[in-house]
Structures are given as structure tokens and as C-alpha cells.
């Protein structure tokens, strides 16, 4: 039986399962509780592959602050357009 979760809970669970740092922003008690529910999302290998194959990359922060002005790379992802 598959449970239904919000997309943000699946995204948090995916990041956690990948072992990447996940820093969700939540201020309200309700959103904090919803974020914690992502710990109950169980993603199998097919789920992980399906999410990884979505093919959309979006960076909210370019993180160019960590580079010297003359060392900013053109791409942050290997396959970024």
C-alpha cells in the first residue's frame, strides 16, 4: 500500500536518502510537523531512479559567494545548460 505525501515531503526524503544535506525552511508549527513527516516516506530504488530521471535542475542560490570573482565557474552541475 502506498501512502500519499506532499511533494515537499518526498523531496526531503529523497535528499535524505541520497545522503545530501537537507535544510528545509519552516516557520509555522504545521510546516515543521509536515517536514518531520518526511522521515516516514519510504522510497524504494525505483522511486529514487524515477525522481533522479525527472531531468529538471533548478538552483535557487547560485552560491557564487564561495568563489573569488575571477574563479566563478560557468556551470555548477556537470550537465547544466
C-alpha atoms as a PDB file:
ATOM      1  CA  UNK A   1       0.000   0.000   0.000  1.00  0.00           C
ATOM      2  CA  UNK A   2       1.379   3.385  -1.000  1.00  0.00           C
ATOM      3  CA  UNK A   3       0.777   6.352   1.269  1.00  0.00           C
ATOM      4  CA  UNK A   4       0.176   9.864  -0.023  1.00  0.00           C
ATOM      5  CA  UNK A   5       2.621  12.617   0.927  1.00  0.00           C
ATOM      6  CA  UNK A   6       3.151  16.210  -0.148  1.00  0.00           C
ATOM      7  CA  UNK A   7       5.752  16.671  -2.908  1.00  0.00           C
ATOM      8  CA  UNK A   8       7.960  18.600  -0.471  1.00  0.00           C
ATOM      9  CA  UNK A   9       7.985  15.626   1.900  1.00  0.00           C
ATOM     10  CA  UNK A  10       9.050  13.337  -0.945  1.00  0.00           C
ATOM     11  CA  UNK A  11      11.772  15.834  -1.957  1.00  0.00           C
ATOM     12  CA  UNK A  12      13.080  15.961   1.621  1.00  0.00           C
ATOM     13  CA  UNK A  13      13.019  12.152   1.885  1.00  0.00           C
ATOM     14  CA  UNK A  14      14.838  11.870  -1.445  1.00  0.00           C
ATOM     15  CA  UNK A  15      17.580  14.253  -0.325  1.00  0.00           C
ATOM     16  CA  UNK A  16      17.964  12.472   2.995  1.00  0.00           C
ATOM     17  CA  UNK A  17      18.154   9.050   1.341  1.00  0.00           C
ATOM     18  CA  UNK A  18      20.800  10.381  -1.074  1.00  0.00           C
ATOM     19  CA  UNK A  19      22.849  11.486   1.904  1.00  0.00           C
ATOM     20  CA  UNK A  20      22.847  15.140   0.896  1.00  0.00           C
ATOM     21  CA  UNK A  21      22.380  17.902   3.457  1.00  0.00           C
ATOM     22  CA  UNK A  22      18.751  18.971   3.566  1.00  0.00           C
ATOM     23  CA  UNK A  23      17.842  22.284   5.171  1.00  0.00           C
ATOM     24  CA  UNK A  24      14.091  22.809   4.940  1.00  0.00           C
ATOM     25  CA  UNK A  25      12.777  26.250   5.752  1.00  0.00           C
ATOM     26  CA  UNK A  26       9.786  26.164   8.030  1.00  0.00           C
ATOM     27  CA  UNK A  27       8.472  28.762  10.433  1.00  0.00           C
ATOM     28  CA  UNK A  28       4.996  27.599  11.299  1.00  0.00           C
ATOM     29  CA  UNK A  29       4.424  24.654  13.592  1.00  0.00           C
ATOM     30  CA  UNK A  30       2.322  22.965  10.908  1.00  0.00           C
ATOM     31  CA  UNK A  31       5.098  23.138   8.302  1.00  0.00           C
ATOM     32  CA  UNK A  32       7.668  21.879  10.791  1.00  0.00           C
ATOM     33  CA  UNK A  33       5.429  18.887  11.537  1.00  0.00           C
ATOM     34  CA  UNK A  34       4.919  18.264   7.817  1.00  0.00           C
ATOM     35  CA  UNK A  35       8.685  18.352   7.264  1.00  0.00           C
ATOM     36  CA  UNK A  36       9.209  15.831  10.059  1.00  0.00           C
ATOM     37  CA  UNK A  37       6.675  13.534   8.389  1.00  0.00           C
ATOM     38  CA  UNK A  38       9.162  13.190   5.520  1.00  0.00           C
ATOM     39  CA  UNK A  39      11.074  10.814   7.795  1.00  0.00           C
ATOM     40  CA  UNK A  40       8.184   8.365   7.284  1.00  0.00           C
ATOM     41  CA  UNK A  41       8.385   8.467   3.474  1.00  0.00           C
ATOM     42  CA  UNK A  42       9.788   5.161   2.232  1.00  0.00           C
ATOM     43  CA  UNK A  43      11.370   5.429  -1.217  1.00  0.00           C
ATOM     44  CA  UNK A  44      12.500   2.254  -2.943  1.00  0.00           C
ATOM     45  CA  UNK A  45      15.126   2.080  -5.692  1.00  0.00           C
ATOM     46  CA  UNK A  46      12.507   2.529  -8.427  1.00  0.00           C
ATOM     47  CA  UNK A  47      11.246   5.679  -6.690  1.00  0.00           C
ATOM     48  CA  UNK A  48      14.784   7.041  -6.382  1.00  0.00           C
ATOM     49  CA  UNK A  49      15.524   6.377 -10.062  1.00  0.00           C
ATOM     50  CA  UNK A  50      12.228   7.939 -11.153  1.00  0.00           C
ATOM     51  CA  UNK A  51      12.956  11.108  -9.184  1.00  0.00           C
ATOM     52  CA  UNK A  52      16.549  11.283 -10.429  1.00  0.00           C
ATOM     53  CA  UNK A  53      15.320  10.937 -14.027  1.00  0.00           C
ATOM     54  CA  UNK A  54      12.966  13.904 -13.847  1.00  0.00           C
ATOM     55  CA  UNK A  55      15.711  15.888 -15.567  1.00  0.00           C
ATOM     56  CA  UNK A  56      14.938  19.319 -14.185  1.00  0.00           C
ATOM     57  CA  UNK A  57      17.678  21.192 -12.361  1.00  0.00           C
ATOM     58  CA  UNK A  58      16.865  24.393 -10.585  1.00  0.00           C
ATOM     59  CA  UNK A  59      19.222  26.256  -8.322  1.00  0.00           C
ATOM     60  CA  UNK A  60      17.657  28.833  -6.040  1.00  0.00           C
ATOM     61  CA  UNK A  61      21.054  30.067  -4.883  1.00  0.00           C
ATOM     62  CA  UNK A  62      23.981  30.218  -7.263  1.00  0.00           C
ATOM     63  CA  UNK A  63      26.454  30.070  -4.379  1.00  0.00           C
ATOM     64  CA  UNK A  64      28.927  32.230  -6.239  1.00  0.00           C
ATOM     65  CA  UNK A  65      29.765  33.793  -2.865  1.00  0.00           C
ATOM     66  CA  UNK A  66      32.148  30.906  -2.233  1.00  0.00           C
ATOM     67  CA  UNK A  67      34.357  31.763  -5.213  1.00  0.00           C
ATOM     68  CA  UNK A  68      36.766  34.573  -5.877  1.00  0.00           C
ATOM     69  CA  UNK A  69      35.387  36.882  -8.615  1.00  0.00           C
ATOM     70  CA  UNK A  70      37.856  35.601 -11.212  1.00  0.00           C
ATOM     71  CA  UNK A  71      37.239  31.922 -10.328  1.00  0.00           C
ATOM     72  CA  UNK A  72      33.438  31.643 -10.714  1.00  0.00           C
ATOM     73  CA  UNK A  73      32.743  28.530 -12.822  1.00  0.00           C
ATOM     74  CA  UNK A  74      30.266  28.713 -15.686  1.00  0.00           C
ATOM     75  CA  UNK A  75      28.493  25.553 -14.513  1.00  0.00           C
ATOM     76  CA  UNK A  76      27.683  24.202 -11.081  1.00  0.00           C
ATOM     77  CA  UNK A  77      26.343  20.864 -12.345  1.00  0.00           C
ATOM     78  CA  UNK A  78      28.249  18.763 -14.829  1.00  0.00           C
ATOM     79  CA  UNK A  79      25.326  18.644 -17.243  1.00  0.00           C
ATOM     80  CA  UNK A  80      23.960  22.115 -16.549  1.00  0.00           C
ATOM     81  CA  UNK A  81      22.919  24.171 -19.580  1.00  0.00           C
END
